[in-house]
């Protein structure tokens, strides 16, 4: 015969704690399939599609045309759409990250 003792109660109390830890880890982790922007891929996209018209001087305007990272992303997306490049959201993020890391360095 099994003794019920306090072990069952301790396990029942531990379940919400374990569930909370697992839920917290899931919230902190990036979504499955979500990728971090890749500035190297962004550089390749930029060099293949943008440098035909844009020299590096365009990014040294004072004041810079984009005033923050969000506006930089909107400009990249608008140009990609206007040029009918068919870039996906990750590709737009990659080019934005490339420009952010090489030319703009806006605070995050």
PDB file of N, CA and C in Angstrom:
ATOM      1  N   UNK A   1       0.835  -1.172   0.000  1.00  0.00           N
ATOM      2  CA  UNK A   1       0.000   0.000   0.000  1.00  0.00           C
ATOM      3  C   UNK A   1       0.886   1.244   0.000  1.00  0.00           C
ATOM      4  N   UNK A   2       0.484   2.222  -0.812  1.00  0.00           N
ATOM      5  CA  UNK A   2       1.278   3.435  -0.964  1.00  0.00           C
ATOM      6  C   UNK A   2       0.879   4.481   0.036  1.00  0.00           C
ATOM      7  N   UNK A   3       1.865   5.123   0.589  1.00  0.00           N
ATOM      8  CA  UNK A   3       1.595   6.200   1.541  1.00  0.00           C
ATOM      9  C   UNK A   3       1.352   7.491   0.758  1.00  0.00           C
ATOM     10  N   UNK A   4       0.304   8.215   1.110  1.00  0.00           N
ATOM     11  CA  UNK A   4      -0.017   9.461   0.407  1.00  0.00           C
ATOM     12  C   UNK A   4       0.851  10.592   0.914  1.00  0.00           C
ATOM     13  N   UNK A   5       1.225  10.597   2.142  1.00  0.00           N
ATOM     14  CA  UNK A   5       2.143  11.581   2.718  1.00  0.00           C
ATOM     15  C   UNK A   5       1.998  12.962   2.104  1.00  0.00           C
ATOM     16  N   UNK A   6       3.065  13.787   2.184  1.00  0.00           N
ATOM     17  CA  UNK A   6       3.047  15.153   1.670  1.00  0.00           C
ATOM     18  C   UNK A   6       3.595  15.267   0.272  1.00  0.00           C
ATOM     19  N   UNK A   7       4.129  14.184  -0.272  1.00  0.00           N
ATOM     20  CA  UNK A   7       4.746  14.244  -1.590  1.00  0.00           C
ATOM     21  C   UNK A   7       3.797  14.682  -2.681  1.00  0.00           C
ATOM     22  N   UNK A   8       2.562  14.240  -2.647  1.00  0.00           N
ATOM     23  CA  UNK A   8       1.580  14.610  -3.678  1.00  0.00           C
ATOM     24  C   UNK A   8       1.272  16.085  -3.650  1.00  0.00           C
ATOM     25  N   UNK A   9       1.141  16.636  -2.443  1.00  0.00           N
ATOM     26  CA  UNK A   9       0.856  18.066  -2.326  1.00  0.00           C
ATOM     27  C   UNK A   9       2.027  18.897  -2.838  1.00  0.00           C
ATOM     28  N   UNK A  10       3.245  18.474  -2.552  1.00  0.00           N
ATOM     29  CA  UNK A  10       4.427  19.217  -3.010  1.00  0.00           C
ATOM     30  C   UNK A  10       4.487  19.227  -4.530  1.00  0.00           C
ATOM     31  N   UNK A  11       4.167  18.098  -5.151  1.00  0.00           N
ATOM     32  CA  UNK A  11       4.173  18.039  -6.614  1.00  0.00           C
ATOM     33  C   UNK A  11       3.093  18.937  -7.198  1.00  0.00           C
ATOM     34  N   UNK A  12       1.918  18.946  -6.572  1.00  0.00           N
ATOM     35  CA  UNK A  12       0.832  19.799  -7.077  1.00  0.00           C
ATOM     36  C   UNK A  12       1.206  21.269  -6.970  1.00  0.00           C
ATOM     37  N   UNK A  13       1.923  21.650  -5.907  1.00  0.00           N
ATOM     38  CA  UNK A  13       2.338  23.044  -5.753  1.00  0.00           C
ATOM     39  C   UNK A  13       3.438  23.404  -6.747  1.00  0.00           C
ATOM     40  N   UNK A  14       4.257  22.457  -7.134  1.00  0.00           N
ATOM     41  CA  UNK A  14       5.367  22.722  -8.044  1.00  0.00           C
ATOM     42  C   UNK A  14       4.889  22.886  -9.489  1.00  0.00           C
ATOM     43  N   UNK A  15       3.762  22.283  -9.845  1.00  0.00           N
ATOM     44  CA  UNK A  15       3.293  22.353 -11.230  1.00  0.00           C
ATOM     45  C   UNK A  15       3.078  23.778 -11.722  1.00  0.00           C
ATOM     46  N   UNK A  16       2.400  24.659 -10.978  1.00  0.00           N
ATOM     47  CA  UNK A  16       2.241  26.033 -11.475  1.00  0.00           C
ATOM     48  C   UNK A  16       3.577  26.750 -11.641  1.00  0.00           C
ATOM     49  N   UNK A  17       4.540  26.474 -10.772  1.00  0.00           N
ATOM     50  CA  UNK A  17       5.850  27.114 -10.877  1.00  0.00           C
ATOM     51  C   UNK A  17       6.548  26.650 -12.152  1.00  0.00           C
ATOM     52  N   UNK A  18       6.540  25.346 -12.398  1.00  0.00           N
ATOM     53  CA  UNK A  18       7.170  24.799 -13.603  1.00  0.00           C
ATOM     54  C   UNK A  18       6.469  25.339 -14.845  1.00  0.00           C
ATOM     55  N   UNK A  19       5.149  25.380 -14.830  1.00  0.00           N
ATOM     56  CA  UNK A  19       4.401  25.891 -15.976  1.00  0.00           C
ATOM     57  C   UNK A  19       4.744  27.359 -16.221  1.00  0.00           C
ATOM     58  N   UNK A  20       4.909  28.143 -15.161  1.00  0.00           N
ATOM     59  CA  UNK A  20       5.273  29.553 -15.294  1.00  0.00           C
ATOM     60  C   UNK A  20       6.653  29.733 -15.898  1.00  0.00           C
ATOM     61  N   UNK A  21       7.589  28.895 -15.481  1.00  0.00           N
ATOM     62  CA  UNK A  21       8.949  28.970 -16.022  1.00  0.00           C
ATOM     63  C   UNK A  21       8.939  28.630 -17.512  1.00  0.00           C
ATOM     64  N   UNK A  22       8.208  27.585 -17.883  1.00  0.00           N
ATOM     65  CA  UNK A  22       8.131  27.188 -19.289  1.00  0.00           C
ATOM     66  C   UNK A  22       7.464  28.281 -20.111  1.00  0.00           C
ATOM     67  N   UNK A  23       6.384  28.857 -19.617  1.00  0.00           N
ATOM     68  CA  UNK A  23       5.691  29.926 -20.346  1.00  0.00           C
ATOM     69  C   UNK A  23       6.593  31.143 -20.494  1.00  0.00           C
ATOM     70  N   UNK A  24       7.332  31.492 -19.455  1.00  0.00           N
ATOM     71  CA  UNK A  24       8.248  32.628 -19.525  1.00  0.00           C
ATOM     72  C   UNK A  24       9.344  32.404 -20.545  1.00  0.00           C
ATOM     73  N   UNK A  25       9.868  31.206 -20.607  1.00  0.00           N
ATOM     74  CA  UNK A  25      10.904  30.891 -21.584  1.00  0.00           C
ATOM     75  C   UNK A  25      10.345  30.965 -22.996  1.00  0.00           C
ATOM     76  N   UNK A  26       9.126  30.529 -23.179  1.00  0.00           N
ATOM     77  CA  UNK A  26       8.510  30.572 -24.508  1.00  0.00           C
ATOM     78  C   UNK A  26       8.300  32.010 -24.960  1.00  0.00           C
ATOM     79  N   UNK A  27       7.930  32.897 -24.050  1.00  0.00           N
ATOM     80  CA  UNK A  27       7.728  34.294 -24.404  1.00  0.00           C
ATOM     81  C   UNK A  27       9.045  34.976 -24.741  1.00  0.00           C
ATOM     82  N   UNK A  28      10.121  34.601 -24.067  1.00  0.00           N
ATOM     83  CA  UNK A  28      11.412  35.227 -24.290  1.00  0.00           C
ATOM     84  C   UNK A  28      12.077  34.738 -25.569  1.00  0.00           C
ATOM     85  N   UNK A  29      11.768  33.543 -25.996  1.00  0.00           N
ATOM     86  CA  UNK A  29      12.402  32.973 -27.196  1.00  0.00           C
ATOM     87  C   UNK A  29      11.774  33.568 -28.445  1.00  0.00           C
ATOM     88  N   UNK A  30      12.561  33.716 -29.529  1.00  0.00           N
ATOM     89  CA  UNK A  30      11.966  34.198 -30.770  1.00  0.00           C
ATOM     90  C   UNK A  30      10.962  33.193 -31.313  1.00  0.00           C
ATOM     91  N   UNK A  31       9.995  33.677 -32.035  1.00  0.00           N
ATOM     92  CA  UNK A  31       8.961  32.807 -32.594  1.00  0.00           C
ATOM     93  C   UNK A  31       9.602  31.765 -33.498  1.00  0.00           C
ATOM     94  N   UNK A  32       9.034  30.592 -33.510  1.00  0.00           N
ATOM     95  CA  UNK A  32       9.561  29.521 -34.364  1.00  0.00           C
ATOM     96  C   UNK A  32       9.543  29.999 -35.807  1.00  0.00           C
ATOM     97  N   UNK A  33      10.659  29.838 -36.464  1.00  0.00           N
ATOM     98  CA  UNK A  33      10.769  30.262 -37.841  1.00  0.00           C
ATOM     99  C   UNK A  33      11.187  31.719 -37.997  1.00  0.00           C
ATOM    100  N   UNK A  34      11.119  32.500 -36.927  1.00  0.00           N
ATOM    101  CA  UNK A  34      11.532  33.895 -37.011  1.00  0.00           C
ATOM    102  C   UNK A  34      13.054  33.950 -37.022  1.00  0.00           C
ATOM    103  N   UNK A  35      13.577  34.771 -37.885  1.00  0.00           N
ATOM    104  CA  UNK A  35      15.012  34.890 -37.998  1.00  0.00           C
ATOM    105  C   UNK A  35      15.440  36.280 -37.575  1.00  0.00           C
ATOM    106  N   UNK A  36      16.666  36.364 -37.105  1.00  0.00           N
ATOM    107  CA  UNK A  36      17.245  37.666 -36.833  1.00  0.00           C
ATOM    108  C   UNK A  36      17.653  38.249 -38.188  1.00  0.00           C
ATOM    109  N   UNK A  37      17.561  39.575 -38.350  1.00  0.00           N
ATOM    110  CA  UNK A  37      17.993  40.166 -39.615  1.00  0.00           C
ATOM    111  C   UNK A  37      19.453  39.817 -39.909  1.00  0.00           C
ATOM    112  N   UNK A  38      19.748  39.554 -41.164  1.00  0.00           N
ATOM    113  CA  UNK A  38      21.084  39.167 -41.602  1.00  0.00           C
ATOM    114  C   UNK A  38      21.683  40.308 -42.424  1.00  0.00           C
ATOM    115  N   UNK A  39      22.571  41.107 -41.825  1.00  0.00           N
ATOM    116  CA  UNK A  39      23.121  42.247 -42.558  1.00  0.00           C
ATOM    117  C   UNK A  39      23.957  41.843 -43.781  1.00  0.00           C
ATOM    118  N   UNK A  40      24.533  40.653 -43.776  1.00  0.00           N
ATOM    119  CA  UNK A  40      25.300  40.216 -44.953  1.00  0.00           C
ATOM    120  C   UNK A  40      24.376  39.965 -46.144  1.00  0.00           C
ATOM    121  N   UNK A  41      23.255  39.322 -45.879  1.00  0.00           N
ATOM    122  CA  UNK A  41      22.277  39.136 -46.948  1.00  0.00           C
ATOM    123  C   UNK A  41      21.735  40.494 -47.376  1.00  0.00           C
ATOM    124  N   UNK A  42      21.522  41.394 -46.421  1.00  0.00           N
ATOM    125  CA  UNK A  42      21.077  42.745 -46.739  1.00  0.00           C
ATOM    126  C   UNK A  42      22.067  43.478 -47.628  1.00  0.00           C
ATOM    127  N   UNK A  43      23.359  43.296 -47.349  1.00  0.00           N
ATOM    128  CA  UNK A  43      24.402  43.927 -48.175  1.00  0.00           C
ATOM    129  C   UNK A  43      24.306  43.422 -49.618  1.00  0.00           C
ATOM    130  N   UNK A  44      24.132  42.110 -49.769  1.00  0.00           N
ATOM    131  CA  UNK A  44      24.035  41.538 -51.120  1.00  0.00           C
ATOM    132  C   UNK A  44      22.808  42.064 -51.866  1.00  0.00           C
ATOM    133  N   UNK A  45      21.679  42.121 -51.174  1.00  0.00           N
ATOM    134  CA  UNK A  45      20.467  42.660 -51.803  1.00  0.00           C
ATOM    135  C   UNK A  45      20.674  44.121 -52.190  1.00  0.00           C
ATOM    136  N   UNK A  46      21.273  44.888 -51.273  1.00  0.00           N
ATOM    137  CA  UNK A  46      21.520  46.307 -51.528  1.00  0.00           C
ATOM    138  C   UNK A  46      22.466  46.481 -52.713  1.00  0.00           C
ATOM    139  N   UNK A  47      23.543  45.712 -52.734  1.00  0.00           N
ATOM    140  CA  UNK A  47      24.513  45.828 -53.829  1.00  0.00           C
ATOM    141  C   UNK A  47      23.923  45.394 -55.167  1.00  0.00           C
ATOM    142  N   UNK A  48      23.021  44.434 -55.153  1.00  0.00           N
ATOM    143  CA  UNK A  48      22.416  43.960 -56.394  1.00  0.00           C
ATOM    144  C   UNK A  48      21.311  44.866 -56.918  1.00  0.00           C
ATOM    145  N   UNK A  49      20.654  45.598 -56.024  1.00  0.00           N
ATOM    146  CA  UNK A  49      19.471  46.340 -56.454  1.00  0.00           C
ATOM    147  C   UNK A  49      19.534  47.842 -56.216  1.00  0.00           C
ATOM    148  N   UNK A  50      20.385  48.313 -55.336  1.00  0.00           N
ATOM    149  CA  UNK A  50      20.302  49.719 -54.919  1.00  0.00           C
ATOM    150  C   UNK A  50      21.492  50.569 -55.347  1.00  0.00           C
ATOM    151  N   UNK A  51      22.696  50.003 -55.381  1.00  0.00           N
ATOM    152  CA  UNK A  51      23.868  50.824 -55.656  1.00  0.00           C
ATOM    153  C   UNK A  51      23.938  51.328 -57.089  1.00  0.00           C
ATOM    154  N   UNK A  52      23.063  50.827 -57.943  1.00  0.00           N
ATOM    155  CA  UNK A  52      23.003  51.355 -59.300  1.00  0.00           C
ATOM    156  C   UNK A  52      22.712  52.857 -59.239  1.00  0.00           C
ATOM    157  N   UNK A  53      21.840  53.251 -58.320  1.00  0.00           N
ATOM    158  CA  UNK A  53      21.471  54.663 -58.169  1.00  0.00           C
ATOM    159  C   UNK A  53      22.057  55.292 -56.911  1.00  0.00           C
ATOM    160  N   UNK A  54      22.232  54.505 -55.870  1.00  0.00           N
ATOM    161  CA  UNK A  54      22.680  55.035 -54.579  1.00  0.00           C
ATOM    162  C   UNK A  54      24.166  54.812 -54.377  1.00  0.00           C
ATOM    163  N   UNK A  55      24.920  55.895 -54.324  1.00  0.00           N
ATOM    164  CA  UNK A  55      26.304  55.775 -53.882  1.00  0.00           C
ATOM    165  C   UNK A  55      26.297  55.939 -52.365  1.00  0.00           C
ATOM    166  N   UNK A  56      27.424  55.724 -51.717  1.00  0.00           N
ATOM    167  CA  UNK A  56      27.446  55.852 -50.255  1.00  0.00           C
ATOM    168  C   UNK A  56      27.177  57.290 -49.816  1.00  0.00           C
ATOM    169  N   UNK A  57      27.350  58.287 -50.736  1.00  0.00           N
ATOM    170  CA  UNK A  57      27.087  59.681 -50.363  1.00  0.00           C
ATOM    171  C   UNK A  57      25.638  59.904 -49.956  1.00  0.00           C
ATOM    172  N   UNK A  58      24.721  59.135 -50.542  1.00  0.00           N
ATOM    173  CA  UNK A  58      23.309  59.328 -50.228  1.00  0.00           C
ATOM    174  C   UNK A  58      23.033  59.073 -48.740  1.00  0.00           C
ATOM    175  N   UNK A  59      23.843  58.264 -48.113  1.00  0.00           N
ATOM    176  CA  UNK A  59      23.632  57.934 -46.699  1.00  0.00           C
ATOM    177  C   UNK A  59      24.373  58.879 -45.755  1.00  0.00           C
ATOM    178  N   UNK A  60      25.109  59.843 -46.317  1.00  0.00           N
ATOM    179  CA  UNK A  60      25.857  60.780 -45.472  1.00  0.00           C
ATOM    180  C   UNK A  60      25.239  62.168 -45.477  1.00  0.00           C
ATOM    181  N   UNK A  61      24.001  62.279 -45.904  1.00  0.00           N
ATOM    182  CA  UNK A  61      23.334  63.582 -45.885  1.00  0.00           C
ATOM    183  C   UNK A  61      23.221  64.084 -44.456  1.00  0.00           C
ATOM    184  N   UNK A  62      23.305  65.382 -44.295  1.00  0.00           N
ATOM    185  CA  UNK A  62      23.114  65.986 -42.978  1.00  0.00           C
ATOM    186  C   UNK A  62      21.959  66.959 -43.108  1.00  0.00           C
ATOM    187  N   UNK A  63      20.909  66.769 -42.358  1.00  0.00           N
ATOM    188  CA  UNK A  63      20.592  65.610 -41.519  1.00  0.00           C
ATOM    189  C   UNK A  63      20.227  64.415 -42.401  1.00  0.00           C
ATOM    190  N   UNK A  64      20.382  63.216 -41.851  1.00  0.00           N
ATOM    191  CA  UNK A  64      20.039  62.030 -42.644  1.00  0.00           C
ATOM    192  C   UNK A  64      18.545  62.027 -42.960  1.00  0.00           C
ATOM    193  N   UNK A  65      18.201  61.480 -44.123  1.00  0.00           N
ATOM    194  CA  UNK A  65      16.796  61.420 -44.521  1.00  0.00           C
ATOM    195  C   UNK A  65      15.961  60.627 -43.522  1.00  0.00           C
ATOM    196  N   UNK A  66      16.316  59.390 -43.192  1.00  0.00           N
ATOM    197  CA  UNK A  66      15.551  58.735 -42.118  1.00  0.00           C
ATOM    198  C   UNK A  66      16.002  59.313 -40.777  1.00  0.00           C
ATOM    199  N   UNK A  67      15.046  59.516 -39.888  1.00  0.00           N
ATOM    200  CA  UNK A  67      15.399  60.083 -38.589  1.00  0.00           C
ATOM    201  C   UNK A  67      15.464  59.027 -37.487  1.00  0.00           C
ATOM    202  N   UNK A  68      14.996  57.827 -37.793  1.00  0.00           N
ATOM    203  CA  UNK A  68      15.081  56.740 -36.812  1.00  0.00           C
ATOM    204  C   UNK A  68      15.008  55.401 -37.543  1.00  0.00           C
ATOM    205  N   UNK A  69      15.189  54.342 -36.799  1.00  0.00           N
ATOM    206  CA  UNK A  69      15.230  53.002 -37.376  1.00  0.00           C
ATOM    207  C   UNK A  69      13.904  52.624 -38.038  1.00  0.00           C
ATOM    208  N   UNK A  70      12.794  52.999 -37.434  1.00  0.00           N
ATOM    209  CA  UNK A  70      11.486  52.704 -38.014  1.00  0.00           C
ATOM    210  C   UNK A  70      11.290  53.384 -39.359  1.00  0.00           C
ATOM    211  N   UNK A  71      11.720  54.636 -39.448  1.00  0.00           N
ATOM    212  CA  UNK A  71      11.594  55.349 -40.719  1.00  0.00           C
ATOM    213  C   UNK A  71      12.532  54.756 -41.769  1.00  0.00           C
ATOM    214  N   UNK A  72      13.722  54.336 -41.362  1.00  0.00           N
ATOM    215  CA  UNK A  72      14.644  53.671 -42.288  1.00  0.00           C
ATOM    216  C   UNK A  72      13.986  52.432 -42.880  1.00  0.00           C
ATOM    217  N   UNK A  73      13.344  51.647 -42.039  1.00  0.00           N
ATOM    218  CA  UNK A  73      12.661  50.441 -42.502  1.00  0.00           C
ATOM    219  C   UNK A  73      11.534  50.791 -43.473  1.00  0.00           C
ATOM    220  N   UNK A  74      10.771  51.839 -43.162  1.00  0.00           N
ATOM    221  CA  UNK A  74       9.673  52.258 -44.048  1.00  0.00           C
ATOM    222  C   UNK A  74      10.206  52.710 -45.415  1.00  0.00           C
ATOM    223  N   UNK A  75      11.345  53.403 -45.409  1.00  0.00           N
ATOM    224  CA  UNK A  75      11.943  53.863 -46.669  1.00  0.00           C
ATOM    225  C   UNK A  75      12.409  52.671 -47.499  1.00  0.00           C
ATOM    226  N   UNK A  76      13.080  51.709 -46.862  1.00  0.00           N
ATOM    227  CA  UNK A  76      13.526  50.504 -47.575  1.00  0.00           C
ATOM    228  C   UNK A  76      12.321  49.772 -48.166  1.00  0.00           C
ATOM    229  N   UNK A  77      11.269  49.618 -47.383  1.00  0.00           N
ATOM    230  CA  UNK A  77      10.069  48.917 -47.855  1.00  0.00           C
ATOM    231  C   UNK A  77       9.422  49.667 -49.020  1.00  0.00           C
ATOM    232  N   UNK A  78       9.347  50.991 -48.930  1.00  0.00           N
ATOM    233  CA  UNK A  78       8.740  51.784 -49.996  1.00  0.00           C
ATOM    234  C   UNK A  78       9.546  51.683 -51.285  1.00  0.00           C
ATOM    235  N   UNK A  79      10.866  51.739 -51.189  1.00  0.00           N
ATOM    236  CA  UNK A  79      11.701  51.613 -52.387  1.00  0.00           C
ATOM    237  C   UNK A  79      11.575  50.222 -52.984  1.00  0.00           C
ATOM    238  N   UNK A  80      11.572  49.215 -52.142  1.00  0.00           N
ATOM    239  CA  UNK A  80      11.432  47.843 -52.648  1.00  0.00           C
ATOM    240  C   UNK A  80      10.112  47.673 -53.387  1.00  0.00           C
ATOM    241  N   UNK A  81       9.054  48.247 -52.836  1.00  0.00           N
ATOM    242  CA  UNK A  81       7.746  48.159 -53.493  1.00  0.00           C
ATOM    243  C   UNK A  81       7.729  49.000 -54.765  1.00  0.00           C
ATOM    244  N   UNK A  82       8.262  50.220 -54.685  1.00  0.00           N
ATOM    245  CA  UNK A  82       8.276  51.103 -55.851  1.00  0.00           C
ATOM    246  C   UNK A  82       9.081  50.545 -57.017  1.00  0.00           C
ATOM    247  N   UNK A  83      10.138  49.823 -56.707  1.00  0.00           N
ATOM    248  CA  UNK A  83      10.981  49.222 -57.744  1.00  0.00           C
ATOM    249  C   UNK A  83      10.502  47.824 -58.133  1.00  0.00           C
ATOM    250  N   UNK A  84       9.387  47.396 -57.515  1.00  0.00           N
ATOM    251  CA  UNK A  84       8.804  46.071 -57.784  1.00  0.00           C
ATOM    252  C   UNK A  84       9.819  44.943 -57.598  1.00  0.00           C
ATOM    253  N   UNK A  85      10.552  45.037 -56.471  1.00  0.00           N
ATOM    254  CA  UNK A  85      11.567  44.029 -56.170  1.00  0.00           C
ATOM    255  C   UNK A  85      10.974  42.755 -55.588  1.00  0.00           C
ATOM    256  N   UNK A  86       9.779  42.846 -55.041  1.00  0.00           N
ATOM    257  CA  UNK A  86       9.139  41.664 -54.465  1.00  0.00           C
ATOM    258  C   UNK A  86       9.843  41.146 -53.216  1.00  0.00           C
ATOM    259  N   UNK A  87      10.483  42.046 -52.466  1.00  0.00           N
ATOM    260  CA  UNK A  87      11.195  41.619 -51.258  1.00  0.00           C
ATOM    261  C   UNK A  87      10.208  41.196 -50.180  1.00  0.00           C
ATOM    262  N   UNK A  88      10.562  40.143 -49.479  1.00  0.00           N
ATOM    263  CA  UNK A  88       9.783  39.671 -48.334  1.00  0.00           C
ATOM    264  C   UNK A  88      10.101  40.541 -47.119  1.00  0.00           C
ATOM    265  N   UNK A  89       9.321  40.383 -46.074  1.00  0.00           N
ATOM    266  CA  UNK A  89       9.592  41.118 -44.825  1.00  0.00           C
ATOM    267  C   UNK A  89      11.000  40.820 -44.303  1.00  0.00           C
ATOM    268  N   UNK A  90      11.456  39.547 -44.305  1.00  0.00           N
ATOM    269  CA  UNK A  90      12.832  39.287 -43.849  1.00  0.00           C
ATOM    270  C   UNK A  90      13.885  39.974 -44.723  1.00  0.00           C
ATOM    271  N   UNK A  91      13.659  40.068 -46.010  1.00  0.00           N
ATOM    272  CA  UNK A  91      14.624  40.745 -46.879  1.00  0.00           C
ATOM    273  C   UNK A  91      14.656  42.246 -46.597  1.00  0.00           C
ATOM    274  N   UNK A  92      13.497  42.830 -46.363  1.00  0.00           N
ATOM    275  CA  UNK A  92      13.442  44.249 -45.989  1.00  0.00           C
ATOM    276  C   UNK A  92      14.179  44.457 -44.671  1.00  0.00           C
ATOM    277  N   UNK A  93      13.966  43.548 -43.728  1.00  0.00           N
ATOM    278  CA  UNK A  93      14.661  43.639 -42.435  1.00  0.00           C
ATOM    279  C   UNK A  93      16.170  43.494 -42.618  1.00  0.00           C
ATOM    280  N   UNK A  94      16.596  42.617 -43.524  1.00  0.00           N
ATOM    281  CA  UNK A  94      18.025  42.421 -43.766  1.00  0.00           C
ATOM    282  C   UNK A  94      18.674  43.679 -44.337  1.00  0.00           C
ATOM    283  N   UNK A  95      18.037  44.299 -45.323  1.00  0.00           N
ATOM    284  CA  UNK A  95      18.590  45.514 -45.919  1.00  0.00           C
ATOM    285  C   UNK A  95      18.581  46.639 -44.895  1.00  0.00           C
ATOM    286  N   UNK A  96      17.509  46.738 -44.130  1.00  0.00           N
ATOM    287  CA  UNK A  96      17.440  47.756 -43.081  1.00  0.00           C
ATOM    288  C   UNK A  96      18.576  47.561 -42.080  1.00  0.00           C
ATOM    289  N   UNK A  97      18.812  46.331 -41.670  1.00  0.00           N
ATOM    290  CA  UNK A  97      19.883  46.043 -40.710  1.00  0.00           C
ATOM    291  C   UNK A  97      21.251  46.359 -41.315  1.00  0.00           C
ATOM    292  N   UNK A  98      21.443  46.038 -42.585  1.00  0.00           N
ATOM    293  CA  UNK A  98      22.707  46.367 -43.247  1.00  0.00           C
ATOM    294  C   UNK A  98      22.936  47.876 -43.226  1.00  0.00           C
ATOM    295  N   UNK A  99      21.933  48.651 -43.636  1.00  0.00           N
ATOM    296  CA  UNK A  99      22.075  50.110 -43.641  1.00  0.00           C
ATOM    297  C   UNK A  99      22.254  50.665 -42.234  1.00  0.00           C
ATOM    298  N   UNK A 100      21.535  50.090 -41.274  1.00  0.00           N
ATOM    299  CA  UNK A 100      21.651  50.513 -39.880  1.00  0.00           C
ATOM    300  C   UNK A 100      23.074  50.280 -39.375  1.00  0.00           C
ATOM    301  N   UNK A 101      23.646  49.123 -39.688  1.00  0.00           N
ATOM    302  CA  UNK A 101      24.958  48.780 -39.138  1.00  0.00           C
ATOM    303  C   UNK A 101      26.113  49.453 -39.878  1.00  0.00           C
ATOM    304  N   UNK A 102      25.896  49.873 -41.113  1.00  0.00           N
ATOM    305  CA  UNK A 102      26.997  50.460 -41.871  1.00  0.00           C
ATOM    306  C   UNK A 102      26.913  51.968 -42.027  1.00  0.00           C
ATOM    307  N   UNK A 103      25.710  52.537 -41.979  1.00  0.00           N
ATOM    308  CA  UNK A 103      25.579  53.962 -42.267  1.00  0.00           C
ATOM    309  C   UNK A 103      24.897  54.783 -41.171  1.00  0.00           C
ATOM    310  N   UNK A 104      23.859  54.243 -40.550  1.00  0.00           N
ATOM    311  CA  UNK A 104      23.021  55.092 -39.711  1.00  0.00           C
ATOM    312  C   UNK A 104      23.261  54.933 -38.211  1.00  0.00           C
ATOM    313  N   UNK A 105      23.259  53.730 -37.718  1.00  0.00           N
ATOM    314  CA  UNK A 105      23.499  53.441 -36.293  1.00  0.00           C
ATOM    315  C   UNK A 105      22.548  54.223 -35.373  1.00  0.00           C
ATOM    316  N   UNK A 106      21.260  54.153 -35.694  1.00  0.00           N
ATOM    317  CA  UNK A 106      20.252  54.788 -34.843  1.00  0.00           C
ATOM    318  C   UNK A 106      20.171  54.009 -33.526  1.00  0.00           C
ATOM    319  N   UNK A 107      19.839  54.697 -32.437  1.00  0.00           N
ATOM    320  CA  UNK A 107      19.636  53.966 -31.170  1.00  0.00           C
ATOM    321  C   UNK A 107      18.460  53.009 -31.311  1.00  0.00           C
ATOM    322  N   UNK A 108      18.583  51.881 -30.654  1.00  0.00           N
ATOM    323  CA  UNK A 108      17.500  50.876 -30.706  1.00  0.00           C
ATOM    324  C   UNK A 108      16.584  51.039 -29.540  1.00  0.00           C
TER     325      UNK A 108
END
